[in-house]
Amino acid sequence: MKYRDLFTPLHGEARELKRQCLIWSANHEHAVTSIDDDIHPQAKCVWLEFEGINVIHAYEKHWKTGEWKLVERKKGNIPLVNNNPFKPDSESVFPVNKRCINRPQCLW
């Protein structure tokens, strides 16, 4: 399953998703990835955004069933930052963050 597969358009909604999304792990590490990438096993939350509209669609993975569900729609832009905010020196679970070892944050 790809990140883009999480989005189910509402009736009449035909907007294009932005090419990048923000994923979160259980320990709040976050990473920017392509919407065409496979969903990483450690991803627990995904934020998707549309071109030309400032609305974030937040999806969460159910802790028991593993099924993804839309949990929130909110105004705003996705902060495109890769980091582990609570333990910057700890091992990263997302491969994209492993390239950022010598920097506390990688901005894309």
N, C-alpha and C. Protein backbone atom coordinates (compact mmCIF):
# COMPACT_ATOMS: atom_id res chain seq x y z
N MET A 1 0.84 -1.17 0.00
CA MET A 1 0.00 0.00 0.00
C MET A 1 0.89 1.24 0.00
N LYS A 2 0.54 2.21 -0.79
CA LYS A 2 1.27 3.48 -0.89
C LYS A 2 0.57 4.54 -0.03
N TYR A 3 1.31 5.59 0.32
CA TYR A 3 0.72 6.66 1.13
C TYR A 3 -0.47 7.30 0.41
N ARG A 4 -0.38 7.45 -0.91
CA ARG A 4 -1.48 8.06 -1.67
C ARG A 4 -2.75 7.23 -1.57
N ASP A 5 -2.63 5.91 -1.32
CA ASP A 5 -3.80 5.04 -1.22
C ASP A 5 -4.64 5.30 0.02
N LEU A 6 -4.10 6.01 1.00
CA LEU A 6 -4.86 6.32 2.21
C LEU A 6 -5.99 7.29 1.92
N PHE A 7 -5.77 8.18 0.94
CA PHE A 7 -6.75 9.22 0.66
C PHE A 7 -7.92 8.67 -0.13
N THR A 8 -9.11 8.90 0.38
CA THR A 8 -10.35 8.58 -0.32
C THR A 8 -11.08 9.89 -0.56
N PRO A 9 -11.21 10.31 -1.82
CA PRO A 9 -11.86 11.61 -2.08
C PRO A 9 -13.32 11.61 -1.68
N LEU A 10 -13.78 12.77 -1.20
CA LEU A 10 -15.19 12.96 -0.92
C LEU A 10 -15.92 13.14 -2.24
N HIS A 11 -17.21 13.09 -2.23
CA HIS A 11 -17.99 13.27 -3.45
C HIS A 11 -17.62 14.59 -4.13
N GLY A 12 -17.26 14.52 -5.40
CA GLY A 12 -16.95 15.71 -6.17
C GLY A 12 -15.57 16.29 -5.93
N GLU A 13 -14.78 15.69 -5.04
CA GLU A 13 -13.45 16.21 -4.72
C GLU A 13 -12.45 15.65 -5.74
N ALA A 14 -11.82 16.54 -6.50
CA ALA A 14 -10.92 16.08 -7.55
C ALA A 14 -9.59 16.81 -7.49
N ARG A 15 -9.14 17.17 -6.32
CA ARG A 15 -7.87 17.88 -6.19
C ARG A 15 -6.70 16.91 -6.25
N GLU A 16 -5.56 17.44 -6.65
CA GLU A 16 -4.34 16.66 -6.74
C GLU A 16 -3.59 16.74 -5.40
N LEU A 17 -3.11 15.59 -4.91
CA LEU A 17 -2.32 15.57 -3.68
C LEU A 17 -0.93 16.13 -3.95
N LYS A 18 -0.34 16.79 -2.94
CA LYS A 18 1.05 17.20 -3.05
C LYS A 18 1.90 15.95 -3.12
N ARG A 19 3.07 16.05 -3.70
CA ARG A 19 3.94 14.90 -3.96
C ARG A 19 4.62 14.36 -2.70
N GLN A 20 4.62 15.14 -1.61
CA GLN A 20 5.26 14.69 -0.38
C GLN A 20 4.24 14.66 0.74
N CYS A 21 4.48 13.77 1.70
CA CYS A 21 3.64 13.71 2.89
C CYS A 21 4.55 13.61 4.11
N LEU A 22 3.97 13.80 5.27
CA LEU A 22 4.72 13.71 6.52
C LEU A 22 4.24 12.48 7.27
N ILE A 23 5.18 11.64 7.70
CA ILE A 23 4.83 10.43 8.46
C ILE A 23 5.39 10.54 9.87
N TRP A 24 4.70 9.92 10.81
CA TRP A 24 5.08 9.94 12.22
C TRP A 24 5.17 8.51 12.73
N SER A 25 6.15 8.25 13.58
CA SER A 25 6.26 6.94 14.23
C SER A 25 5.59 7.02 15.61
N ALA A 26 5.53 5.90 16.30
CA ALA A 26 4.93 5.86 17.64
C ALA A 26 5.70 6.74 18.62
N ASN A 27 7.02 6.91 18.41
CA ASN A 27 7.82 7.74 19.33
C ASN A 27 7.95 9.18 18.83
N HIS A 28 7.08 9.58 17.90
CA HIS A 28 6.97 10.96 17.39
C HIS A 28 8.10 11.38 16.47
N GLU A 29 8.92 10.43 16.02
CA GLU A 29 9.87 10.77 14.96
C GLU A 29 9.05 11.04 13.71
N HIS A 30 9.44 12.03 12.93
CA HIS A 30 8.73 12.30 11.70
C HIS A 30 9.69 12.42 10.53
N ALA A 31 9.14 12.12 9.34
CA ALA A 31 9.95 12.13 8.12
C ALA A 31 9.08 12.54 6.95
N VAL A 32 9.71 13.18 5.98
CA VAL A 32 9.06 13.57 4.75
C VAL A 32 9.36 12.49 3.72
N THR A 33 8.31 12.05 3.03
CA THR A 33 8.49 11.00 2.03
C THR A 33 7.55 11.24 0.86
N SER A 34 7.77 10.52 -0.21
CA SER A 34 6.92 10.64 -1.39
C SER A 34 5.59 9.93 -1.16
N ILE A 35 4.52 10.48 -1.72
CA ILE A 35 3.22 9.82 -1.59
C ILE A 35 3.17 8.52 -2.38
N ASP A 36 4.16 8.30 -3.26
CA ASP A 36 4.21 7.07 -4.05
C ASP A 36 5.05 5.97 -3.40
N ASP A 37 5.64 6.25 -2.23
CA ASP A 37 6.40 5.23 -1.50
C ASP A 37 5.46 4.27 -0.80
N ASP A 38 5.95 3.06 -0.54
CA ASP A 38 5.20 2.10 0.26
C ASP A 38 5.13 2.61 1.70
N ILE A 39 4.02 2.35 2.36
CA ILE A 39 3.87 2.77 3.76
C ILE A 39 4.87 2.00 4.62
N HIS A 40 5.68 2.75 5.36
CA HIS A 40 6.71 2.15 6.22
C HIS A 40 6.02 1.45 7.39
N PRO A 41 6.51 0.28 7.80
CA PRO A 41 5.88 -0.45 8.91
C PRO A 41 5.83 0.32 10.23
N GLN A 42 6.76 1.26 10.43
CA GLN A 42 6.78 2.03 11.68
C GLN A 42 5.89 3.26 11.63
N ALA A 43 5.30 3.56 10.47
CA ALA A 43 4.43 4.75 10.36
C ALA A 43 3.14 4.51 11.14
N LYS A 44 2.81 5.46 11.99
CA LYS A 44 1.58 5.39 12.80
C LYS A 44 0.61 6.51 12.44
N CYS A 45 1.12 7.59 11.86
CA CYS A 45 0.30 8.72 11.47
C CYS A 45 0.86 9.27 10.16
N VAL A 46 -0.04 9.69 9.27
CA VAL A 46 0.35 10.25 7.97
C VAL A 46 -0.46 11.51 7.73
N TRP A 47 0.23 12.56 7.30
CA TRP A 47 -0.43 13.80 6.92
C TRP A 47 -0.31 13.97 5.41
N LEU A 48 -1.43 14.14 4.74
CA LEU A 48 -1.48 14.40 3.30
C LEU A 48 -2.05 15.79 3.08
N GLU A 49 -1.60 16.44 2.00
CA GLU A 49 -2.05 17.81 1.70
C GLU A 49 -2.30 17.93 0.20
N PHE A 50 -3.17 18.86 -0.18
CA PHE A 50 -3.52 19.08 -1.58
C PHE A 50 -2.75 20.25 -2.17
N GLU A 51 -2.59 20.21 -3.48
CA GLU A 51 -2.05 21.36 -4.22
C GLU A 51 -3.11 22.47 -4.20
N GLY A 52 -2.70 23.69 -3.91
CA GLY A 52 -3.58 24.84 -4.01
C GLY A 52 -4.60 25.01 -2.91
N ILE A 53 -4.56 24.21 -1.86
CA ILE A 53 -5.50 24.37 -0.76
C ILE A 53 -4.78 23.99 0.54
N ASN A 54 -4.94 24.79 1.57
CA ASN A 54 -4.23 24.58 2.83
C ASN A 54 -5.05 23.76 3.80
N VAL A 55 -5.25 22.49 3.46
CA VAL A 55 -5.97 21.57 4.33
C VAL A 55 -5.14 20.29 4.46
N ILE A 56 -4.90 19.89 5.70
CA ILE A 56 -4.16 18.67 5.99
C ILE A 56 -5.16 17.56 6.33
N HIS A 57 -4.97 16.41 5.73
CA HIS A 57 -5.75 15.23 6.08
C HIS A 57 -4.84 14.33 6.91
N ALA A 58 -5.23 14.10 8.17
CA ALA A 58 -4.43 13.29 9.08
C ALA A 58 -5.04 11.89 9.21
N TYR A 59 -4.21 10.88 8.96
CA TYR A 59 -4.63 9.48 9.06
C TYR A 59 -3.83 8.81 10.17
N GLU A 60 -4.49 7.92 10.91
CA GLU A 60 -3.81 7.15 11.94
C GLU A 60 -4.05 5.67 11.74
N LYS A 61 -3.04 4.89 12.10
CA LYS A 61 -3.12 3.44 12.03
C LYS A 61 -3.65 2.93 13.37
N HIS A 62 -4.71 2.14 13.33
CA HIS A 62 -5.28 1.60 14.56
C HIS A 62 -4.27 0.66 15.22
N TRP A 63 -4.06 0.82 16.50
CA TRP A 63 -3.02 0.07 17.21
C TRP A 63 -3.26 -1.44 17.21
N LYS A 64 -4.52 -1.86 17.14
CA LYS A 64 -4.83 -3.29 17.21
C LYS A 64 -5.07 -3.91 15.83
N THR A 65 -5.89 -3.25 15.01
CA THR A 65 -6.26 -3.84 13.72
C THR A 65 -5.27 -3.53 12.62
N GLY A 66 -4.50 -2.45 12.78
CA GLY A 66 -3.56 -2.05 11.73
C GLY A 66 -4.22 -1.32 10.57
N GLU A 67 -5.52 -1.06 10.68
CA GLU A 67 -6.23 -0.37 9.60
C GLU A 67 -6.04 1.14 9.75
N TRP A 68 -5.97 1.81 8.59
CA TRP A 68 -5.79 3.26 8.56
C TRP A 68 -7.14 3.95 8.52
N LYS A 69 -7.23 5.09 9.24
CA LYS A 69 -8.50 5.83 9.31
C LYS A 69 -8.21 7.33 9.29
N LEU A 70 -9.05 8.07 8.55
CA LEU A 70 -8.97 9.53 8.58
C LEU A 70 -9.45 9.98 9.96
N VAL A 71 -8.61 10.72 10.68
CA VAL A 71 -8.97 11.15 12.03
C VAL A 71 -9.17 12.66 12.15
N GLU A 72 -8.65 13.41 11.16
CA GLU A 72 -8.77 14.87 11.27
C GLU A 72 -8.53 15.54 9.92
N ARG A 73 -9.29 16.59 9.67
CA ARG A 73 -9.04 17.52 8.56
C ARG A 73 -8.84 18.88 9.21
N LYS A 74 -7.73 19.53 8.91
CA LYS A 74 -7.47 20.81 9.55
C LYS A 74 -6.79 21.76 8.57
N LYS A 75 -7.00 23.06 8.80
CA LYS A 75 -6.34 24.06 7.97
C LYS A 75 -4.87 24.11 8.34
N GLY A 76 -4.05 24.35 7.32
CA GLY A 76 -2.62 24.51 7.56
C GLY A 76 -1.80 23.86 6.48
N ASN A 77 -0.48 24.02 6.62
CA ASN A 77 0.48 23.41 5.72
C ASN A 77 1.32 22.41 6.48
N ILE A 78 1.73 21.37 5.80
CA ILE A 78 2.55 20.35 6.43
C ILE A 78 3.97 20.89 6.62
N PRO A 79 4.51 20.83 7.85
CA PRO A 79 5.90 21.23 8.05
C PRO A 79 6.83 20.14 7.51
N LEU A 80 7.53 20.42 6.45
CA LEU A 80 8.37 19.41 5.80
C LEU A 80 9.72 19.32 6.50
N VAL A 81 9.74 18.63 7.65
CA VAL A 81 10.93 18.49 8.48
C VAL A 81 11.11 17.02 8.85
N ASN A 82 12.34 16.55 8.73
CA ASN A 82 12.69 15.19 9.18
C ASN A 82 13.44 15.32 10.50
N ASN A 83 12.92 14.73 11.55
CA ASN A 83 13.69 14.70 12.79
C ASN A 83 13.03 13.81 13.83
N ASN A 84 13.76 13.59 14.89
CA ASN A 84 13.28 12.87 16.05
C ASN A 84 13.28 13.89 17.18
N PRO A 85 12.15 14.57 17.42
CA PRO A 85 12.15 15.74 18.28
C PRO A 85 12.49 15.50 19.75
N PHE A 86 12.24 14.30 20.26
CA PHE A 86 12.47 14.07 21.68
C PHE A 86 13.82 13.44 21.98
N LYS A 87 14.37 12.69 21.01
CA LYS A 87 15.68 12.06 21.19
C LYS A 87 16.49 12.23 19.90
N PRO A 88 17.01 13.44 19.66
CA PRO A 88 17.68 13.71 18.38
C PRO A 88 18.87 12.79 18.09
N ASP A 89 19.53 12.26 19.13
CA ASP A 89 20.70 11.41 18.91
C ASP A 89 20.37 9.93 18.84
N SER A 90 19.10 9.56 18.96
CA SER A 90 18.73 8.15 18.95
C SER A 90 18.67 7.60 17.53
N GLU A 91 18.62 6.30 17.42
CA GLU A 91 18.53 5.62 16.13
C GLU A 91 17.20 5.97 15.47
N SER A 92 17.25 6.30 14.19
CA SER A 92 16.04 6.64 13.44
C SER A 92 15.37 5.37 12.93
N VAL A 93 14.03 5.37 12.94
CA VAL A 93 13.30 4.23 12.40
C VAL A 93 13.02 4.40 10.91
N PHE A 94 13.00 5.65 10.43
CA PHE A 94 12.73 5.91 9.03
C PHE A 94 14.04 6.05 8.26
N PRO A 95 14.20 5.32 7.16
CA PRO A 95 15.45 5.36 6.40
C PRO A 95 15.86 6.77 5.95
N VAL A 96 14.91 7.60 5.59
CA VAL A 96 15.25 8.95 5.14
C VAL A 96 15.95 9.74 6.24
N ASN A 97 15.64 9.47 7.48
CA ASN A 97 16.27 10.19 8.59
C ASN A 97 17.67 9.67 8.89
N LYS A 98 17.99 8.47 8.47
CA LYS A 98 19.33 7.92 8.71
C LYS A 98 20.38 8.69 7.92
N ARG A 99 19.97 9.37 6.85
CA ARG A 99 20.90 10.20 6.07
C ARG A 99 21.15 11.53 6.78
N CYS A 100 20.42 11.80 7.86
CA CYS A 100 20.52 13.09 8.56
C CYS A 100 21.25 12.95 9.90
N ILE A 101 22.04 11.92 10.08
CA ILE A 101 22.64 11.62 11.38
C ILE A 101 23.47 12.79 11.92
N ASN A 102 24.22 13.47 11.09
CA ASN A 102 25.11 14.53 11.58
C ASN A 102 24.41 15.87 11.73
N ARG A 103 23.15 15.94 11.41
CA ARG A 103 22.40 17.19 11.56
C ARG A 103 21.18 16.91 12.41
N PRO A 104 20.85 17.77 13.38
CA PRO A 104 19.68 17.53 14.23
C PRO A 104 18.38 17.60 13.43
N GLN A 105 18.34 18.35 12.34
CA GLN A 105 17.16 18.43 11.50
C GLN A 105 17.58 18.48 10.04
N CYS A 106 16.81 17.83 9.21
CA CYS A 106 17.01 17.94 7.76
C CYS A 106 15.78 18.60 7.21
N LEU A 107 15.95 19.71 6.58
CA LEU A 107 14.82 20.41 5.99
C LEU A 107 14.80 20.10 4.50
N TRP A 108 13.66 19.73 3.99
CA TRP A 108 13.53 19.45 2.55
C TRP A 108 12.81 20.58 1.92
